[in-house]
C-alpha atoms as a PDB file:
ATOM      1  CA  MET A   1     -56.432  54.793 -95.019  1.00  0.00           C
ATOM      2  CA  TYR A   2     -59.459  54.218 -93.072  1.00  0.00           C
ATOM      3  CA  ILE A   3     -62.314  51.432 -92.050  1.00  0.00           C
ATOM      4  CA  THR A   4     -64.290  51.231 -89.934  1.00  0.00           C
ATOM      5  CA  LEU A   5     -64.109  48.871 -86.575  1.00  0.00           C
ATOM      6  CA  GLN A   6     -66.407  47.147 -85.424  1.00  0.00           C
ATOM      7  CA  LEU A   7     -65.778  46.393 -81.221  1.00  0.00           C
ATOM      8  CA  SER A   8     -68.078  44.830 -78.645  1.00  0.00           C
ATOM      9  CA  ASP A   9     -69.610  47.052 -75.755  1.00  0.00           C
ATOM     10  CA  ALA A  10     -67.317  45.342 -73.906  1.00  0.00           C
ATOM     11  CA  LEU A  11     -63.993  45.486 -75.205  1.00  0.00           C
ATOM     12  CA  TYR A  12     -64.482  49.667 -75.768  1.00  0.00           C
ATOM     13  CA  GLU A  13     -64.981  50.410 -72.568  1.00  0.00           C
ATOM     14  CA  ARG A  14     -62.160  48.198 -71.831  1.00  0.00           C
ATOM     15  CA  LEU A  15     -60.142  50.008 -74.318  1.00  0.00           C
ATOM     16  CA  LEU A  16     -61.157  53.428 -71.956  1.00  0.00           C
ATOM     17  CA  SER A  17     -61.203  51.993 -68.492  1.00  0.00           C
ATOM     18  CA  SER A  18     -57.280  51.185 -68.751  1.00  0.00           C
ATOM     19  CA  GLN A  19     -55.511  52.655 -72.151  1.00  0.00           C
ATOM     20  CA  LYS A  20     -53.532  50.347 -72.554  1.00  0.00           C
ATOM     21  CA  ARG A  21     -53.112  47.890 -75.885  1.00  0.00           C
ATOM     22  CA  ILE A  22     -55.952  44.807 -76.479  1.00  0.00           C
ATOM     23  CA  GLU A  23     -53.989  41.941 -78.732  1.00  0.00           C
ATOM     24  CA  GLY A  24     -56.375  40.848 -81.479  1.00  0.00           C
ATOM     25  CA  SER A  25     -57.156  40.185 -84.390  1.00  0.00           C
ATOM     26  CA  ILE A  26     -59.343  42.264 -87.013  1.00  0.00           C
ATOM     27  CA  ALA A  27     -61.085  40.113 -89.692  1.00  0.00           C
ATOM     28  CA  LEU A  28     -62.694  43.041 -93.225  1.00  0.00           C
ATOM     29  CA  THR A  29     -66.517  41.998 -93.352  1.00  0.00           C
ATOM     30  CA  SER A  30     -65.917  44.679 -96.792  1.00  0.00           C
ATOM     31  CA  PRO A  31     -62.477  46.691 -97.917  1.00  0.00           C
ATOM     32  CA  THR A  32     -63.834  49.593 -96.408  1.00  0.00           C
ATOM     33  CA  GLU A  33     -65.283  48.066 -92.986  1.00  0.00           C
ATOM     34  CA  GLY A  34     -64.178  45.133 -90.031  1.00  0.00           C
ATOM     35  CA  ASN A  35     -64.487  43.739 -86.712  1.00  0.00           C
ATOM     36  CA  PHE A  36     -62.644  43.438 -84.148  1.00  0.00           C
ATOM     37  CA  ASN A  37     -61.429  40.090 -82.235  1.00  0.00           C
ATOM     38  CA  PRO A  38     -59.973  39.673 -78.791  1.00  0.00           C
ATOM     39  CA  TYR A  39     -57.040  37.539 -78.303  1.00  0.00           C
ATOM     40  CA  ARG A  40     -58.228  34.936 -74.547  1.00  0.00           C
ATOM     41  CA  MET A  41     -57.054  37.197 -72.335  1.00  0.00           C
ATOM     42  CA  ASN A  42     -57.204  33.916 -69.867  1.00  0.00           C
ATOM     43  CA  LYS A  43     -53.912  33.019 -67.812  1.00  0.00           C
ATOM     44  CA  GLN A  44     -53.135  29.397 -67.843  1.00  0.00           C
ATOM     45  CA  LYS A  45     -52.975  27.554 -64.903  1.00  0.00           C
ATOM     46  CA  SER A  46     -49.583  25.899 -64.268  1.00  0.00           C
ATOM     47  CA  ASN A  47     -49.815  22.965 -65.274  1.00  0.00           C
ATOM     48  CA  LYS A  48     -47.297  19.160 -64.003  1.00  0.00           C
ATOM     49  CA  TYR A  49     -46.875  17.583 -66.382  1.00  0.00           C
ATOM     50  CA  VAL A  50     -44.568  14.317 -67.742  1.00  0.00           C
ATOM     51  CA  LYS A  51     -43.441  12.913 -70.308  1.00  0.00           C
ATOM     52  CA  LEU A  52     -44.429   9.042 -70.990  1.00  0.00           C
ATOM     53  CA  LYS A  53     -42.269   6.998 -74.060  1.00  0.00           C
ATOM     54  CA  HIS A  54     -45.179   7.196 -76.246  1.00  0.00           C
ATOM     55  CA  GLY A  55     -47.641  10.573 -74.817  1.00  0.00           C
ATOM     56  CA  ARG A  56     -47.537  12.534 -71.476  1.00  0.00           C
ATOM     57  CA  VAL A  57     -50.031  13.748 -68.856  1.00  0.00           C
ATOM     58  CA  SER A  58     -50.141  16.807 -67.024  1.00  0.00           C
ATOM     59  CA  VAL A  59     -52.403  17.735 -63.444  1.00  0.00           C
ATOM     60  CA  ASN A  60     -53.538  21.818 -63.444  1.00  0.00           C
ATOM     61  CA  ASP A  61     -56.403  22.184 -60.419  1.00  0.00           C
ATOM     62  CA  ASP A  62     -58.928  21.473 -62.097  1.00  0.00           C
ATOM     63  CA  SER A  63     -57.983  18.304 -64.630  1.00  0.00           C
ATOM     64  CA  VAL A  64     -56.553  16.019 -65.815  1.00  0.00           C
ATOM     65  CA  CYS A  65     -55.465  14.874 -69.204  1.00  0.00           C
ATOM     66  CA  LEU A  66     -53.718  12.234 -70.998  1.00  0.00           C
ATOM     67  CA  THR A  67     -52.161  11.967 -74.706  1.00  0.00           C
ATOM     68  CA  LEU A  68     -50.611   8.539 -75.721  1.00  0.00           C
ATOM     69  CA  ARG A  69     -49.458   8.488 -79.128  1.00  0.00           C
ATOM     70  CA  ILE A  70     -47.455   4.548 -80.985  1.00  0.00           C
ATOM     71  CA  ASN A  71     -47.009   4.124 -83.867  1.00  0.00           C
ATOM     72  CA  LEU A  72     -48.409   0.790 -85.501  1.00  0.00           C
ATOM     73  CA  ASP A  73     -45.350   0.215 -86.928  1.00  0.00           C
ATOM     74  CA  GLU A  74     -42.185   0.403 -84.470  1.00  0.00           C
ATOM     75  CA  THR A  75     -40.062  -2.638 -83.853  1.00  0.00           C
ATOM     76  CA  ASN A  76     -40.669  -4.180 -80.819  1.00  0.00           C
ATOM     77  CA  VAL A  77     -43.682  -2.408 -79.651  1.00  0.00           C
ATOM     78  CA  ASN A  78     -46.919  -4.450 -79.149  1.00  0.00           C
ATOM     79  CA  PRO A  79     -49.540  -1.536 -79.831  1.00  0.00           C
ATOM     80  CA  SER A  80     -52.088  -2.851 -76.831  1.00  0.00           C
ATOM     81  CA  GLU A  81     -49.209  -3.552 -74.403  1.00  0.00           C
ATOM     82  CA  ALA A  82     -46.994  -0.282 -73.942  1.00  0.00           C
ATOM     83  CA  MET A  83     -50.523   2.218 -73.511  1.00  0.00           C
ATOM     84  CA  ALA A  84     -50.544  -0.143 -70.146  1.00  0.00           C
ATOM     85  CA  SER A  85     -47.732   0.589 -69.727  1.00  0.00           C
ATOM     86  CA  ASP A  86     -47.508   3.827 -70.035  1.00  0.00           C
ATOM     87  CA  CYS A  87     -50.820   3.926 -69.086  1.00  0.00           C
ATOM     88  CA  TRP A  88     -49.968   2.340 -64.789  1.00  0.00           C
ATOM     89  CA  GLU A  89     -47.283   5.423 -65.210  1.00  0.00           C
ATOM     90  CA  ALA A  90     -49.016   8.073 -65.680  1.00  0.00           C
ATOM     91  CA  THR A  91     -51.657   6.528 -62.503  1.00  0.00           C
ATOM     92  CA  ASP A  92     -48.463   7.036 -60.339  1.00  0.00           C
ATOM     93  CA  PHE A  93     -47.859  10.085 -61.334  1.00  0.00           C
ATOM     94  CA  VAL A  94     -51.485  11.498 -60.673  1.00  0.00           C
ATOM     95  CA  ARG A  95     -51.660   9.695 -57.644  1.00  0.00           C
ATOM     96  CA  LYS A  96     -48.473  11.778 -56.895  1.00  0.00           C
ATOM     97  CA  ALA A  97     -49.098  15.092 -58.134  1.00  0.00           C
ATOM     98  CA  THR A  98     -53.011  15.537 -56.698  1.00  0.00           C
ATOM     99  CA  HIS A  99     -51.947  13.799 -52.771  1.00  0.00           C
ATOM    100  CA  ASN A 100     -54.647  10.720 -53.111  1.00  0.00           C
ATOM    101  CA  PRO A 101     -53.510   6.968 -52.396  1.00  0.00           C
END
């Protein structure tokens, strides 16, 4: 089966110049036509991270991310105390990872 495929001019130029495959997805706009969207090609920045009791904190050159998830039915855990404890641990990690005194 043949379909007509639409892609951007920049992507077409990249295909011609590199002659390498480009990973992506095809979305059909009709049974015989579609468009192509390449997957994101950005390289992941290296992250430093540490797991916490209830989450994770990560640091890269551009940003810091803290994620916490505390189940309210977890036995012997006060959510506000668990949050404070994990935040202090995250703070220490970020301070060391970014070399801030």
